[in-house]
Amino acid sequence: MAEKRDAAWYAKTFGVSDDLWVIEARATGMPGLLLLHQFGQVVYDAFRVYPWLVGTALTERDPHDIDVRLVLSGLEFKRYCGDRYGESRPSTPWASFSMAFALTARHMTGLPVDFQIQTTAMAARFSDRPRLVLGGWFVAGKRLATNVEELA
């Protein structure tokens, strides 16, 4: 009989807090989830921060899109994106990064990825919702952040 892999199992196995949301990616299937992890490594290589799979891809079988968020500290966000943030402003560094990485993810995975960069303050509004770090589980021996506050 297979061992139940719930939050307590992940906490014991990986040494992370047992309040970590551990949810299978219901909508991506295989190899979609593996490809998303590879995309997560690409994002890490660019920003030195792992992105998160969030939203309905973790809770629904047929979501509209696959939400991936890169959460940066306020200073890092300003370094990469400047002071201008907003989906209605297409000529900003934030929009350029979002578009470039969304298209890269779509090309790599074949999934309708919505990629955005957020500050820790922006992401904290959603800290009670499911999320899964992408790419980070492949780093042996490194404890990963288990909540938004640890990302700052």
C-alpha atoms as a PDB file:
ATOM      1  CA  MET A   1       0.000   0.000   0.000  1.00  0.00           C
ATOM      2  CA  ALA A   2       1.343   3.423  -0.980  1.00  0.00           C
ATOM      3  CA  GLU A   3       2.220   5.885   1.746  1.00  0.00           C
ATOM      4  CA  LYS A   4      -0.205   8.817   2.010  1.00  0.00           C
ATOM      5  CA  ARG A   5       1.579  11.966   0.853  1.00  0.00           C
ATOM      6  CA  ASP A   6      -0.237  14.671   2.739  1.00  0.00           C
ATOM      7  CA  ALA A   7       1.134  17.905   4.223  1.00  0.00           C
ATOM      8  CA  ALA A   8       2.506  16.037   7.257  1.00  0.00           C
ATOM      9  CA  TRP A   9       4.406  13.613   4.997  1.00  0.00           C
ATOM     10  CA  TYR A  10       5.985  16.496   3.065  1.00  0.00           C
ATOM     11  CA  ALA A  11       6.866  18.276   6.298  1.00  0.00           C
ATOM     12  CA  LYS A  12       8.646  15.183   7.623  1.00  0.00           C
ATOM     13  CA  THR A  13      10.316  14.244   4.325  1.00  0.00           C
ATOM     14  CA  PHE A  14      11.491  17.692   3.225  1.00  0.00           C
ATOM     15  CA  GLY A  15      11.835  19.380   6.612  1.00  0.00           C
ATOM     16  CA  VAL A  16       9.311  22.096   5.844  1.00  0.00           C
ATOM     17  CA  SER A  17       6.447  23.511   7.862  1.00  0.00           C
ATOM     18  CA  ASP A  18       3.434  21.202   7.945  1.00  0.00           C
ATOM     19  CA  ASP A  19       1.191  24.140   7.042  1.00  0.00           C
ATOM     20  CA  LEU A  20       2.722  24.159   3.557  1.00  0.00           C
ATOM     21  CA  TRP A  21       0.042  23.720   0.915  1.00  0.00           C
ATOM     22  CA  VAL A  22       0.829  20.464  -0.807  1.00  0.00           C
ATOM     23  CA  ILE A  23      -1.601  19.938  -3.619  1.00  0.00           C
ATOM     24  CA  GLU A  24      -1.215  18.030  -6.822  1.00  0.00           C
ATOM     25  CA  ALA A  25      -1.462  20.110  -9.950  1.00  0.00           C
ATOM     26  CA  ARG A  26      -4.816  18.811 -11.090  1.00  0.00           C
ATOM     27  CA  ALA A  27      -5.057  20.591 -14.424  1.00  0.00           C
ATOM     28  CA  THR A  28      -1.572  20.202 -15.825  1.00  0.00           C
ATOM     29  CA  GLY A  29      -1.243  16.423 -15.817  1.00  0.00           C
ATOM     30  CA  MET A  30       1.919  14.731 -16.961  1.00  0.00           C
ATOM     31  CA  PRO A  31       4.201  15.749 -18.501  1.00  0.00           C
ATOM     32  CA  GLY A  32       2.750  19.253 -17.972  1.00  0.00           C
ATOM     33  CA  LEU A  33       3.781  19.434 -14.325  1.00  0.00           C
ATOM     34  CA  LEU A  34       7.315  18.235 -15.086  1.00  0.00           C
ATOM     35  CA  LEU A  35       7.597  20.816 -17.856  1.00  0.00           C
ATOM     36  CA  LEU A  36       6.361  23.532 -15.483  1.00  0.00           C
ATOM     37  CA  HIS A  37       9.117  22.510 -13.062  1.00  0.00           C
ATOM     38  CA  GLN A  38      11.652  22.878 -15.875  1.00  0.00           C
ATOM     39  CA  PHE A  39      10.218  26.327 -16.624  1.00  0.00           C
ATOM     40  CA  GLY A  40      10.557  27.134 -12.908  1.00  0.00           C
ATOM     41  CA  GLN A  41      14.258  26.380 -13.165  1.00  0.00           C
ATOM     42  CA  VAL A  42      14.561  28.763 -16.147  1.00  0.00           C
ATOM     43  CA  VAL A  43      12.941  31.521 -14.075  1.00  0.00           C
ATOM     44  CA  TYR A  44      15.259  30.730 -11.170  1.00  0.00           C
ATOM     45  CA  ASP A  45      18.270  30.956 -13.470  1.00  0.00           C
ATOM     46  CA  ALA A  46      17.158  34.454 -14.530  1.00  0.00           C
ATOM     47  CA  PHE A  47      16.048  35.888 -11.161  1.00  0.00           C
ATOM     48  CA  ARG A  48      17.587  33.558  -8.526  1.00  0.00           C
ATOM     49  CA  VAL A  49      14.051  33.072  -7.130  1.00  0.00           C
ATOM     50  CA  TYR A  50      11.696  30.168  -7.827  1.00  0.00           C
ATOM     51  CA  PRO A  51       8.215  30.973  -9.170  1.00  0.00           C
ATOM     52  CA  TRP A  52       4.974  29.605  -7.754  1.00  0.00           C
ATOM     53  CA  LEU A  53       2.146  27.723  -9.425  1.00  0.00           C
ATOM     54  CA  VAL A  54      -1.010  29.279  -7.983  1.00  0.00           C
ATOM     55  CA  GLY A  55      -4.704  29.597  -8.695  1.00  0.00           C
ATOM     56  CA  THR A  56      -7.208  27.213 -10.161  1.00  0.00           C
ATOM     57  CA  ALA A  57      -4.606  24.896 -11.732  1.00  0.00           C
ATOM     58  CA  LEU A  58      -4.165  23.548  -8.210  1.00  0.00           C
ATOM     59  CA  THR A  59      -7.842  23.170  -7.398  1.00  0.00           C
ATOM     60  CA  GLU A  60      -9.781  22.598 -10.622  1.00  0.00           C
ATOM     61  CA  ARG A  61      -9.496  20.072 -13.415  1.00  0.00           C
ATOM     62  CA  ASP A  62     -10.299  22.545 -16.189  1.00  0.00           C
ATOM     63  CA  PRO A  63      -9.005  26.041 -15.368  1.00  0.00           C
ATOM     64  CA  HIS A  64      -9.029  28.892 -17.867  1.00  0.00           C
ATOM     65  CA  ASP A  65      -5.254  29.288 -17.594  1.00  0.00           C
ATOM     66  CA  ILE A  66      -2.234  28.244 -15.538  1.00  0.00           C
ATOM     67  CA  ASP A  67      -1.186  31.004 -13.135  1.00  0.00           C
ATOM     68  CA  VAL A  68       2.524  31.257 -12.372  1.00  0.00           C
ATOM     69  CA  ARG A  69       3.794  34.032 -10.122  1.00  0.00           C
ATOM     70  CA  LEU A  70       7.325  35.211  -9.409  1.00  0.00           C
ATOM     71  CA  VAL A  71       7.357  36.897  -6.007  1.00  0.00           C
ATOM     72  CA  LEU A  72      10.143  39.422  -5.429  1.00  0.00           C
ATOM     73  CA  SER A  73      10.966  41.688  -2.535  1.00  0.00           C
ATOM     74  CA  GLY A  74       9.996  45.318  -3.058  1.00  0.00           C
ATOM     75  CA  LEU A  75      13.610  46.250  -3.799  1.00  0.00           C
ATOM     76  CA  GLU A  76      14.099  43.432  -6.297  1.00  0.00           C
ATOM     77  CA  PHE A  77      10.779  44.248  -7.963  1.00  0.00           C
ATOM     78  CA  LYS A  78      11.859  47.877  -8.339  1.00  0.00           C
ATOM     79  CA  ARG A  79      15.247  46.768  -9.681  1.00  0.00           C
ATOM     80  CA  TYR A  80      13.672  44.707 -12.464  1.00  0.00           C
ATOM     81  CA  CYS A  81      10.378  46.507 -13.072  1.00  0.00           C
ATOM     82  CA  GLY A  82      10.895  50.076 -11.906  1.00  0.00           C
ATOM     83  CA  ASP A  83       8.056  52.014 -10.332  1.00  0.00           C
ATOM     84  CA  ARG A  84       5.434  51.291 -12.969  1.00  0.00           C
ATOM     85  CA  TYR A  85       3.213  48.264 -12.496  1.00  0.00           C
ATOM     86  CA  GLY A  86      -0.053  47.540 -14.156  1.00  0.00           C
ATOM     87  CA  GLU A  87      -1.706  45.278 -16.646  1.00  0.00           C
ATOM     88  CA  SER A  88      -3.136  48.283 -18.502  1.00  0.00           C
ATOM     89  CA  ARG A  89       0.336  49.683 -19.231  1.00  0.00           C
ATOM     90  CA  PRO A  90       1.885  47.605 -22.018  1.00  0.00           C
ATOM     91  CA  SER A  91       5.095  49.645 -22.288  1.00  0.00           C
ATOM     92  CA  THR A  92       6.630  48.855 -18.922  1.00  0.00           C
ATOM     93  CA  PRO A  93       9.444  46.508 -17.904  1.00  0.00           C
ATOM     94  CA  TRP A  94       6.846  44.569 -15.840  1.00  0.00           C
ATOM     95  CA  ALA A  95       4.703  43.993 -18.937  1.00  0.00           C
ATOM     96  CA  SER A  96       7.740  43.003 -21.005  1.00  0.00           C
ATOM     97  CA  PHE A  97       8.925  40.452 -18.426  1.00  0.00           C
ATOM     98  CA  SER A  98       5.400  39.086 -17.979  1.00  0.00           C
ATOM     99  CA  MET A  99       4.884  38.663 -21.707  1.00  0.00           C
ATOM    100  CA  ALA A 100       8.331  37.199 -22.397  1.00  0.00           C
ATOM    101  CA  PHE A 101       8.154  34.618 -19.619  1.00  0.00           C
ATOM    102  CA  ALA A 102       4.498  33.738 -20.306  1.00  0.00           C
ATOM    103  CA  LEU A 103       5.331  33.038 -23.939  1.00  0.00           C
ATOM    104  CA  THR A 104       8.423  31.068 -22.940  1.00  0.00           C
ATOM    105  CA  ALA A 105       6.345  28.968 -20.545  1.00  0.00           C
ATOM    106  CA  ARG A 106       3.656  28.388 -23.170  1.00  0.00           C
ATOM    107  CA  HIS A 107       6.300  27.303 -25.669  1.00  0.00           C
ATOM    108  CA  MET A 108       8.034  24.987 -23.183  1.00  0.00           C
ATOM    109  CA  THR A 109       4.888  23.403 -21.751  1.00  0.00           C
ATOM    110  CA  GLY A 110       2.119  23.757 -24.315  1.00  0.00           C
ATOM    111  CA  LEU A 111      -0.058  25.105 -21.475  1.00  0.00           C
ATOM    112  CA  PRO A 112      -1.866  28.494 -21.360  1.00  0.00           C
ATOM    113  CA  VAL A 113       0.462  30.034 -18.771  1.00  0.00           C
ATOM    114  CA  ASP A 114      -0.288  33.453 -17.238  1.00  0.00           C
ATOM    115  CA  PHE A 115       3.060  34.616 -15.802  1.00  0.00           C
ATOM    116  CA  GLN A 116       3.307  37.705 -13.611  1.00  0.00           C
ATOM    117  CA  ILE A 117       5.848  39.245 -11.284  1.00  0.00           C
ATOM    118  CA  GLN A 118       4.546  40.418  -7.914  1.00  0.00           C
ATOM    119  CA  THR A 119       5.999  41.965  -4.787  1.00  0.00           C
ATOM    120  CA  THR A 120       5.765  40.104  -1.494  1.00  0.00           C
ATOM    121  CA  ALA A 121       3.134  42.653  -0.421  1.00  0.00           C
ATOM    122  CA  MET A 122       1.016  41.882  -3.492  1.00  0.00           C
ATOM    123  CA  ALA A 123       1.371  38.127  -3.009  1.00  0.00           C
ATOM    124  CA  ALA A 124       0.625  38.310   0.731  1.00  0.00           C
ATOM    125  CA  ARG A 125      -3.014  39.062  -0.097  1.00  0.00           C
ATOM    126  CA  PHE A 126      -3.232  35.495  -1.399  1.00  0.00           C
ATOM    127  CA  SER A 127      -1.084  33.714   1.189  1.00  0.00           C
ATOM    128  CA  ASP A 128      -4.009  31.600   2.416  1.00  0.00           C
ATOM    129  CA  ARG A 129      -4.498  30.037  -1.028  1.00  0.00           C
ATOM    130  CA  PRO A 130      -2.825  26.954  -2.479  1.00  0.00           C
ATOM    131  CA  ARG A 131       0.576  27.345  -4.116  1.00  0.00           C
ATOM    132  CA  LEU A 132       3.345  25.064  -5.295  1.00  0.00           C
ATOM    133  CA  VAL A 133       6.947  26.114  -5.868  1.00  0.00           C
ATOM    134  CA  LEU A 134       8.113  25.295  -9.393  1.00  0.00           C
ATOM    135  CA  GLY A 135      11.588  23.961  -9.982  1.00  0.00           C
ATOM    136  CA  GLY A 136      12.645  24.145  -6.361  1.00  0.00           C
ATOM    137  CA  TRP A 137      11.999  20.555  -5.369  1.00  0.00           C
ATOM    138  CA  PHE A 138      14.878  19.558  -7.596  1.00  0.00           C
ATOM    139  CA  VAL A 139      17.426  21.336  -5.411  1.00  0.00           C
ATOM    140  CA  ALA A 140      18.681  18.652  -3.053  1.00  0.00           C
ATOM    141  CA  GLY A 141      19.216  19.574   0.551  1.00  0.00           C
ATOM    142  CA  LYS A 142      18.014  23.167   0.266  1.00  0.00           C
ATOM    143  CA  ARG A 143      15.109  24.246   2.482  1.00  0.00           C
ATOM    144  CA  LEU A 144      12.614  26.185   0.422  1.00  0.00           C
ATOM    145  CA  ALA A 145      10.394  29.029   1.557  1.00  0.00           C
ATOM    146  CA  THR A 146       7.052  27.764   2.790  1.00  0.00           C
ATOM    147  CA  ASN A 147       5.210  31.053   2.911  1.00  0.00           C
ATOM    148  CA  VAL A 148       5.271  34.462   1.317  1.00  0.00           C
ATOM    149  CA  GLU A 149       6.899  36.154   4.317  1.00  0.00           C
ATOM    150  CA  GLU A 150      10.015  33.976   3.966  1.00  0.00           C
ATOM    151  CA  LEU A 151      10.500  35.149   0.398  1.00  0.00           C
ATOM    152  CA  ALA A 152      11.287  38.738   1.392  1.00  0.00           C
END
